[in-house]
Protein backbone atom coordinates (compact mmCIF):
# COMPACT_ATOMS: atom_id res chain seq x y z
CA MET A 1 3.87 10.58 0.84
CA TRP A 2 0.71 9.87 3.11
CA ALA A 3 1.92 9.35 6.50
CA SER A 4 5.31 8.98 8.19
CA SER A 5 6.29 7.92 11.23
CA ARG A 6 8.51 9.57 13.65
CA THR A 7 11.07 7.00 15.29
CA PRO A 8 14.49 7.29 17.19
CA ARG A 9 16.18 6.91 14.66
CA ASN A 10 14.83 9.77 12.58
CA LEU A 11 15.82 12.27 15.51
CA ASP A 12 18.84 14.64 15.26
CA PRO A 13 20.94 12.96 17.80
CA ARG A 14 21.17 15.65 20.07
CA GLU A 15 17.19 15.78 20.23
CA ALA A 16 17.61 11.91 21.26
CA GLY A 17 19.36 12.63 24.27
CA TRP A 18 22.62 10.83 22.90
CA GLY A 19 24.65 13.16 25.26
CA PRO A 20 27.94 14.96 25.29
CA THR A 21 29.79 12.54 23.21
CA CYS A 22 27.42 12.97 20.32
CA ASP A 23 27.91 16.68 20.69
CA CYS A 24 31.44 16.27 20.34
CA LEU A 25 30.89 13.98 17.13
CA PHE A 26 28.70 16.13 15.65
CA SER A 27 31.85 19.20 16.06
CA LEU A 28 33.43 17.06 13.71
CA VAL A 29 30.78 16.02 11.07
CA LEU A 30 28.81 19.28 10.75
CA PRO A 31 31.94 20.86 8.54
CA PHE A 32 31.01 18.03 6.03
CA ARG A 33 28.22 17.81 3.68
CA LEU A 34 25.63 15.51 4.94
CA ARG A 35 24.62 12.49 2.81
CA HIS A 36 20.57 12.77 3.95
CA HIS A 37 19.16 16.02 4.19
CA ILE A 38 15.97 15.06 4.96
CA LEU A 39 14.97 12.64 7.61
CA GLY A 40 12.29 10.22 7.65
CA SER A 41 12.35 6.43 6.82
CA ASP A 42 8.80 4.60 7.67
CA ILE A 43 6.45 5.73 5.30
CA ALA A 44 3.39 4.75 3.92
CA GLY A 45 1.63 6.25 0.65
CA ARG A 46 0.79 5.82 -2.96
CA VAL A 47 2.70 5.52 -5.97
CA GLU A 48 2.49 8.28 -8.36
CA ALA A 49 4.63 7.23 -10.79
CA ALA A 50 6.97 4.00 -11.76
CA GLY A 51 10.08 4.04 -13.94
CA ARG A 52 9.72 2.19 -17.10
CA ASN A 53 11.56 -0.83 -15.87
CA ALA A 54 9.58 -1.22 -12.88
CA THR A 55 6.88 -4.25 -12.56
CA ARG A 56 6.02 -4.68 -9.41
CA PHE A 57 3.98 -1.54 -8.68
CA ARG A 58 1.93 1.08 -11.15
CA PRO A 59 0.67 4.64 -10.41
CA GLY A 60 -2.10 4.25 -7.82
CA GLY A 61 -0.89 1.56 -5.92
CA ASP A 62 -0.87 2.13 -1.85
CA VAL A 63 2.30 0.71 -0.81
CA PHE A 64 4.09 1.02 2.67
CA ALA A 65 8.03 0.68 3.30
CA ASP A 66 10.91 1.17 5.62
CA ILE A 67 13.38 3.39 3.67
CA LEU A 68 16.25 3.79 6.14
CA SER A 69 18.94 3.39 3.12
CA TYR A 70 17.42 6.55 1.43
CA MET A 71 15.64 8.52 3.94
CA GLY A 72 13.58 11.63 2.76
CA GLY A 73 10.26 10.10 4.09
CA PHE A 74 9.42 13.56 5.75
CA ALA A 75 9.16 14.96 2.52
CA GLU A 76 5.71 15.22 0.31
CA SER A 77 7.38 12.81 -2.05
CA VAL A 78 9.86 10.30 -2.54
CA CYS A 79 12.01 8.44 -5.13
CA VAL A 80 13.12 4.65 -4.07
CA PRO A 81 13.62 1.64 -5.78
CA GLU A 82 10.44 -0.70 -5.93
CA THR A 83 12.38 -3.33 -4.20
CA ALA A 84 12.08 -1.03 -1.00
CA LEU A 85 8.47 -0.98 -1.05
CA ALA A 86 5.77 -3.43 -0.13
CA PRO A 87 1.77 -3.43 -0.99
CA MET A 88 0.05 -2.41 2.16
CA PRO A 89 -2.28 -4.64 3.91
CA ALA A 90 -5.76 -4.38 2.76
CA GLY A 91 -8.02 -2.37 5.54
CA MET A 92 -5.18 -0.44 7.01
CA THR A 93 -4.71 2.99 7.11
CA TYR A 94 -1.70 4.87 5.76
CA GLU A 95 -1.11 6.22 9.76
CA GLU A 96 -1.40 2.41 10.84
CA ALA A 97 1.11 1.42 8.06
CA ALA A 98 3.85 4.19 8.55
CA ALA A 99 4.00 3.00 12.30
CA LEU A 100 4.70 -0.61 11.32
CA PRO A 101 7.87 -1.35 9.49
CA GLN A 102 10.87 -0.58 12.00
CA ALA A 103 8.79 -1.48 15.04
CA GLY A 104 7.49 -4.52 13.67
CA ALA A 105 10.72 -5.94 12.23
CA ILE A 106 12.23 -5.43 15.73
CA ALA A 107 9.17 -7.26 17.26
CA LEU A 108 9.49 -9.89 14.61
CA GLN A 109 13.35 -10.35 15.06
CA GLY A 110 13.42 -10.50 18.63
CA ILE A 111 10.58 -13.17 19.14
CA GLN A 112 10.68 -15.03 16.23
CA ASP A 113 13.86 -14.83 14.25
CA ARG A 114 16.28 -14.46 17.33
CA GLY A 115 13.74 -15.36 20.17
CA GLN A 116 12.56 -18.50 18.71
CA VAL A 117 9.59 -18.51 21.08
CA GLN A 118 7.92 -22.02 21.70
CA PRO A 119 4.74 -22.81 22.82
CA GLY A 120 4.68 -23.14 27.00
CA GLN A 121 7.63 -20.50 27.27
CA LYS A 122 7.68 -17.64 29.59
CA VAL A 123 8.48 -14.39 27.82
CA LEU A 124 9.28 -11.00 29.66
CA ILE A 125 9.17 -8.10 27.37
CA ASN A 126 10.57 -4.63 28.97
CA GLY A 127 9.08 -1.73 27.23
CA ALA A 128 6.12 -3.83 26.39
CA GLY A 129 3.85 -1.09 26.03
CA GLY A 130 6.03 0.91 23.32
CA ARG A 131 6.16 0.95 19.71
CA SER A 132 7.82 -2.51 19.41
CA GLY A 133 6.16 -3.98 22.50
CA MET A 134 3.10 -3.87 21.54
CA TYR A 135 3.76 -6.04 18.51
CA ALA A 136 5.91 -8.16 20.51
CA ILE A 137 3.13 -8.89 22.88
CA GLN A 138 1.00 -10.44 20.21
CA LEU A 139 3.55 -12.14 18.09
CA ALA A 140 4.60 -14.14 21.68
CA LYS A 141 0.89 -14.98 22.11
CA LEU A 142 0.59 -15.89 18.68
CA ASN A 143 3.18 -18.49 19.39
CA GLY A 144 1.81 -19.75 22.41
CA ALA A 145 3.85 -18.28 24.94
CA GLY A 146 2.94 -16.64 28.72
CA VAL A 147 3.92 -12.99 28.50
CA THR A 148 4.96 -10.61 31.19
CA GLY A 149 4.96 -6.90 30.14
CA VAL A 150 6.77 -4.30 31.96
CA ASP A 151 6.10 -0.68 31.55
CA ASN A 152 4.87 2.18 33.40
CA ALA A 153 1.62 2.13 35.27
CA GLU A 154 -0.16 4.14 32.32
CA ARG A 155 0.49 1.66 30.15
CA LEU A 156 -0.57 -1.70 32.45
CA GLY A 157 -4.03 -1.72 31.01
CA PHE A 158 -3.03 -1.39 27.55
CA MET A 159 -0.44 -4.37 27.81
CA ARG A 160 -3.32 -6.41 29.08
CA SER A 161 -5.62 -5.62 26.32
CA LEU A 162 -3.05 -6.82 23.83
CA GLY A 163 -2.74 -10.03 25.67
CA ALA A 164 -0.04 -10.15 28.37
CA ASP A 165 -0.95 -12.39 31.25
CA HIS A 166 1.12 -10.45 33.62
CA VAL A 167 2.15 -6.84 33.77
CA ILE A 168 4.31 -4.95 36.07
CA ASP A 169 5.01 -1.37 36.89
CA TYR A 170 8.53 -0.80 36.82
CA THR A 171 8.46 2.10 39.13
CA ARG A 172 7.03 -0.34 41.81
CA ASP A 173 8.67 -3.52 40.89
CA ASP A 174 12.06 -4.91 39.58
CA PHE A 175 11.91 -7.56 37.17
CA THR A 176 15.35 -8.77 37.85
CA SER A 177 15.26 -9.12 41.25
CA ASN A 178 11.55 -10.31 42.25
CA GLY A 179 12.90 -14.17 41.80
CA ARG A 180 10.64 -14.98 38.65
CA THR A 181 12.50 -16.45 35.75
CA TYR A 182 11.81 -16.46 32.00
CA HIS A 183 12.62 -18.25 28.78
CA LEU A 184 13.24 -15.17 26.72
CA ILE A 185 13.87 -11.79 28.01
CA LEU A 186 13.53 -8.98 25.26
CA ASP A 187 14.73 -5.56 26.35
CA LEU A 188 13.21 -2.73 24.75
CA ALA A 189 14.18 -0.27 27.04
CA ALA A 190 17.45 -1.59 28.38
CA HIS A 191 17.91 1.24 31.39
CA ARG A 192 19.91 -1.53 33.27
CA PRO A 193 22.89 -3.57 33.02
CA ALA A 194 22.78 -6.36 30.70
CA SER A 195 24.43 -8.58 33.49
CA ALA A 196 21.77 -7.63 36.09
CA CYS A 197 19.38 -9.69 33.99
CA LYS A 198 21.09 -12.91 34.26
CA GLY A 199 19.53 -14.10 37.51
CA SER A 200 15.75 -13.68 35.61
CA LEU A 201 16.76 -16.35 32.83
CA MET A 202 15.86 -19.79 33.13
CA PRO A 203 18.67 -22.28 32.23
CA GLY A 204 19.18 -21.82 28.42
CA GLY A 205 17.17 -18.96 28.33
CA ARG A 206 18.43 -16.11 26.27
CA TYR A 207 18.59 -12.09 26.96
CA LEU A 208 17.96 -9.98 23.77
CA TYR A 209 18.69 -6.35 23.41
CA ALA A 210 17.16 -3.58 21.36
CA GLY A 211 17.89 0.28 22.27
CA GLY A 212 18.91 1.99 25.43
CA PRO A 213 21.92 3.67 25.96
CA VAL A 214 25.49 2.73 24.47
CA ALA A 215 26.78 1.95 27.61
CA THR A 216 24.48 -1.23 27.64
CA LEU A 217 24.95 -1.91 24.19
CA LEU A 218 28.89 -2.16 25.18
CA GLN A 219 27.72 -4.55 27.85
CA VAL A 220 25.93 -6.83 25.45
CA VAL A 221 28.94 -6.98 23.17
CA LEU A 222 31.40 -7.38 25.98
CA ILE A 223 29.64 -9.46 28.73
CA GLY A 224 27.52 -11.45 26.60
CA PRO A 225 30.26 -13.88 25.60
CA VAL A 226 31.26 -14.35 29.45
CA ILE A 227 27.31 -14.69 30.37
CA GLY A 228 26.83 -17.37 27.52
CA ARG A 229 27.54 -18.12 23.67
CA ALA A 230 25.29 -16.46 21.58
CA GLY A 231 24.73 -17.78 18.11
CA GLN A 232 24.97 -21.54 19.42
CA GLU A 233 22.18 -23.89 20.46
CA ASP A 234 20.43 -23.61 23.63
CA PRO A 235 22.84 -24.92 26.65
CA ALA A 236 22.03 -28.02 28.65
CA PRO A 237 20.09 -27.27 31.95
CA GLY A 238 22.62 -25.42 34.59
CA ARG A 239 24.90 -24.14 31.58
CA PRO A 240 24.75 -20.31 31.27
CA ALA A 241 22.21 -18.53 29.55
CA ARG A 242 22.63 -16.51 26.25
CA CYS A 243 23.00 -13.03 25.67
CA ALA A 244 23.04 -11.07 22.45
CA ALA A 245 21.64 -8.29 20.65
CA PRO A 246 18.43 -9.52 18.58
CA GLY A 247 18.87 -8.09 15.36
CA ALA A 248 21.56 -10.36 13.52
CA HIS A 249 22.80 -7.99 11.56
CA ARG A 250 25.56 -5.08 11.81
CA ARG A 251 23.45 -2.41 14.29
CA ALA A 252 21.77 -3.51 17.60
CA LEU A 253 18.29 -3.71 16.55
CA PRO A 254 17.31 -1.26 13.72
CA GLY A 255 15.00 -3.86 11.82
CA GLY A 256 16.30 -4.79 8.48
CA LYS A 257 18.81 -6.77 6.72
CA ALA A 258 20.27 -9.91 8.42
CA ARG A 259 23.90 -11.14 8.53
CA HIS A 260 22.92 -14.72 7.38
CA GLY A 261 20.59 -13.17 3.99
CA HIS A 262 17.45 -13.56 6.22
CA ARG A 263 15.36 -10.75 6.03
CA PRO A 264 11.93 -10.38 7.93
CA PRO A 265 8.96 -10.03 5.95
CA LEU A 266 8.54 -6.38 6.43
CA PRO A 267 9.75 -3.58 4.08
CA ALA A 268 13.55 -3.08 5.07
CA GLU A 269 16.70 -1.11 3.61
């Protein structure tokens, strides 16, 4: 293992700040044997050995992966099926490759797979200066959209350098109350109720959620059907907007296997 990124899903949940509920759950779980003893899922490194039936990789090849199903990325070496690995792009460092799998998959699903961003659309990315946000800005611009990035003042210049057309310092301006509307809101911070974003969506627009507290996730699940119908065609002008979690799979959006057999072109579980 040459590099591994430290992501929120690799934290001890108590360290991640999940609150008293998590402490209670941990008191119930700890007496039992944990499945994974070593954390770490987003990795990059070099193949040291290959099994006799392996055909995709040989020793010496540079690979990267999201090994969430296996974990162990914080160790010096890890053994996983070759299907979990992907060849590292030429010219990419191990550190760059290890930072890509989860964050890149979230951005790809939010902008393309679920967001379906089209040229000329207006996209707002809340948390655009973070791990997934920096990829989301660039993907949205590649798709021809106008991008507004929201983050703190220290990251405004960084978001502009990635191509954001407009930037908002969330400590000074609340994008949910400034009167501007968007075809897509990709919320990578989710520190406000999902319903608060309804007024910032154009007719037929979409609100997609990733990360944030459990309370916001529950609002997306429970209030989403009231705001609009997720999983159907965009409604006609004047009809309610869509509200959904962008990863079409079992979790809010960790990046990985999709429900309808679709898998993003990134290493996944």
